[in-house]
N, C-alpha and C. Protein backbone atom coordinates (compact mmCIF):
# COMPACT_ATOMS: atom_id res chain seq x y z
N MET A 1 -81.34 -35.04 90.15
CA MET A 1 -81.95 -36.45 90.50
C MET A 1 -81.43 -37.57 90.21
N ASP A 2 -81.47 -38.80 91.48
CA ASP A 2 -80.71 -40.05 91.51
C ASP A 2 -81.97 -41.32 91.02
N VAL A 3 -81.81 -41.71 90.03
CA VAL A 3 -82.65 -42.89 89.89
C VAL A 3 -81.67 -44.26 89.56
N SER A 4 -81.91 -45.30 90.67
CA SER A 4 -81.46 -46.76 91.24
C SER A 4 -81.99 -47.40 89.59
N GLY A 5 -80.80 -47.91 89.63
CA GLY A 5 -80.77 -49.43 88.40
C GLY A 5 -81.40 -50.41 88.83
N ALA A 6 -81.87 -50.78 90.21
CA ALA A 6 -82.17 -51.92 90.34
C ALA A 6 -83.51 -52.65 89.81
N GLY A 7 -83.13 -53.99 89.00
CA GLY A 7 -84.04 -54.68 88.78
C GLY A 7 -84.14 -54.56 86.99
N LEU A 8 -83.02 -53.23 86.28
CA LEU A 8 -83.28 -52.77 85.47
C LEU A 8 -81.87 -53.61 84.43
N THR A 9 -81.78 -54.27 83.37
CA THR A 9 -81.02 -55.15 82.70
C THR A 9 -80.48 -54.44 81.37
N SER A 10 -80.60 -52.97 81.65
CA SER A 10 -79.81 -52.95 80.65
C SER A 10 -79.16 -50.67 81.00
N THR A 11 -78.60 -50.19 80.34
CA THR A 11 -78.13 -48.90 80.36
C THR A 11 -79.23 -47.98 79.73
N ASP A 12 -79.53 -48.89 78.36
CA ASP A 12 -81.06 -48.06 77.92
C ASP A 12 -81.71 -47.84 78.68
N LYS A 13 -82.05 -48.76 79.50
CA LYS A 13 -82.95 -48.89 80.33
C LYS A 13 -83.45 -48.13 81.98
N LEU A 14 -82.18 -47.86 82.02
CA LEU A 14 -81.93 -46.99 82.99
C LEU A 14 -82.26 -45.25 82.89
N LEU A 15 -81.71 -45.06 81.64
CA LEU A 15 -81.75 -44.24 80.87
C LEU A 15 -83.06 -43.87 80.51
N GLU A 16 -84.40 -44.83 79.66
CA GLU A 16 -85.29 -44.48 79.93
C GLU A 16 -86.43 -44.48 81.26
N GLU A 17 -85.40 -44.92 82.06
CA GLU A 17 -86.24 -44.86 83.48
C GLU A 17 -86.41 -43.82 84.01
N GLY A 18 -85.16 -42.87 83.60
CA GLY A 18 -84.30 -41.50 84.29
C GLY A 18 -85.55 -40.86 84.01
N VAL A 19 -85.99 -40.71 82.33
CA VAL A 19 -86.44 -39.74 81.80
C VAL A 19 -87.59 -40.05 82.28
N SER A 20 -88.70 -41.19 82.08
CA SER A 20 -89.46 -41.03 82.51
C SER A 20 -90.15 -40.85 83.91
N VAL A 21 -89.16 -40.97 85.33
CA VAL A 21 -89.36 -40.06 86.24
C VAL A 21 -89.58 -39.00 86.17
N ALA A 22 -88.89 -38.15 85.37
CA ALA A 22 -88.24 -36.76 85.22
C ALA A 22 -89.46 -36.09 84.80
N LEU A 23 -89.91 -36.98 84.06
CA LEU A 23 -91.37 -36.52 83.50
C LEU A 23 -92.46 -36.74 84.15
N ALA A 24 -92.69 -37.66 84.64
CA ALA A 24 -93.61 -38.22 85.74
C ALA A 24 -93.59 -36.96 86.84
N THR A 25 -92.20 -36.28 87.40
CA THR A 25 -92.80 -35.71 88.44
C THR A 25 -92.29 -33.97 87.93
N LYS A 26 -92.42 -33.96 86.77
CA LYS A 26 -92.83 -32.79 86.20
C LYS A 26 -91.39 -31.69 86.18
N ILE A 27 -89.96 -32.65 86.34
CA ILE A 27 -88.71 -31.96 86.30
C ILE A 27 -88.22 -31.51 85.28
N VAL A 28 -89.07 -32.32 83.98
CA VAL A 28 -88.83 -31.48 82.47
C VAL A 28 -90.37 -32.08 81.95
N ARG A 29 -90.14 -31.18 80.44
CA ARG A 29 -91.10 -31.51 79.91
C ARG A 29 -90.84 -31.65 78.31
N GLN A 30 -91.82 -32.05 77.52
CA GLN A 30 -91.39 -32.20 76.08
C GLN A 30 -90.45 -31.18 75.43
N GLY A 31 -89.74 -31.51 74.95
CA GLY A 31 -88.90 -30.71 73.97
C GLY A 31 -87.54 -30.34 75.09
N ASP A 32 -87.49 -30.91 76.54
CA ASP A 32 -85.97 -30.20 76.78
C ASP A 32 -85.13 -30.94 76.84
N ILE A 33 -84.07 -30.49 77.11
CA ILE A 33 -83.13 -30.96 76.30
C ILE A 33 -82.09 -31.45 78.14
N VAL A 34 -81.73 -32.86 78.10
CA VAL A 34 -81.49 -33.14 79.09
C VAL A 34 -79.82 -33.96 78.97
N VAL A 35 -78.90 -33.93 80.18
CA VAL A 35 -78.07 -34.70 80.17
C VAL A 35 -78.16 -35.99 81.28
N LEU A 36 -77.86 -36.94 80.64
CA LEU A 36 -78.06 -38.04 81.67
C LEU A 36 -76.68 -38.95 81.95
N THR A 37 -76.57 -38.70 82.68
CA THR A 37 -75.35 -39.86 83.64
C THR A 37 -75.57 -41.02 84.19
N ALA A 38 -74.55 -41.94 83.90
CA ALA A 38 -74.95 -43.59 84.73
C ALA A 38 -73.70 -44.04 83.90
N GLY A 39 -73.33 -45.27 85.47
CA GLY A 39 -72.10 -46.25 85.95
C GLY A 39 -72.39 -47.40 85.82
N LEU A 40 -71.38 -48.53 85.43
CA LEU A 40 -71.43 -49.68 86.00
C LEU A 40 -69.93 -49.97 86.75
N PRO A 41 -70.50 -50.70 87.74
CA PRO A 41 -71.39 -51.31 88.29
C PRO A 41 -72.44 -50.29 88.82
N GLY A 42 -73.62 -50.16 89.28
CA GLY A 42 -74.66 -49.15 89.49
C GLY A 42 -74.82 -49.46 90.84
N GLY A 43 -74.59 -47.57 91.83
CA GLY A 43 -74.48 -47.55 92.82
C GLY A 43 -73.24 -47.50 93.44
N VAL A 44 -72.34 -47.23 92.81
CA VAL A 44 -70.89 -47.51 93.42
C VAL A 44 -70.63 -46.43 93.05
N SER A 45 -70.01 -45.56 93.44
CA SER A 45 -69.27 -43.96 93.38
C SER A 45 -68.52 -44.12 92.67
N GLY A 46 -68.03 -42.99 91.91
CA GLY A 46 -66.66 -43.14 90.93
C GLY A 46 -66.97 -43.93 89.74
N THR A 47 -68.43 -44.31 89.35
CA THR A 47 -67.98 -45.42 87.90
C THR A 47 -68.39 -45.14 86.99
N THR A 48 -68.81 -44.06 87.37
CA THR A 48 -69.62 -43.09 86.01
C THR A 48 -69.19 -43.35 84.91
N ASN A 49 -69.32 -43.61 83.78
CA ASN A 49 -68.75 -44.52 82.22
C ASN A 49 -69.53 -43.71 81.70
N LEU A 50 -70.90 -43.05 81.16
CA LEU A 50 -71.73 -42.67 80.38
C LEU A 50 -72.24 -41.45 80.33
N ILE A 51 -72.14 -40.93 79.58
CA ILE A 51 -72.84 -39.58 79.65
C ILE A 51 -73.91 -39.33 78.24
N LYS A 52 -74.90 -38.60 78.28
CA LYS A 52 -75.50 -38.73 76.98
C LYS A 52 -76.36 -37.62 77.16
N ALA A 53 -76.84 -36.57 76.48
CA ALA A 53 -77.74 -35.88 76.29
C ALA A 53 -78.72 -35.81 74.89
N GLN A 54 -79.82 -35.65 75.54
CA GLN A 54 -81.34 -35.98 74.76
C GLN A 54 -82.29 -35.30 75.01
N GLN A 55 -82.88 -34.60 73.72
CA GLN A 55 -84.11 -34.06 73.64
C GLN A 55 -85.23 -34.64 74.30
N ILE A 56 -85.92 -34.27 74.80
CA ILE A 56 -87.28 -35.13 75.48
C ILE A 56 -88.06 -35.07 74.51
């Protein structure tokens, strides 16, 4: 799933938004473990520089 970071002020906010969207669309549920990736500047291919595993 791709979540655009337009208007978000930090990578933390971007990751929170990704989890919120995944929960809202029922792609994940509480207790699932997800792997989140992000990069700056956003929207530019090849800039991924963050990976985080998180339990929802």
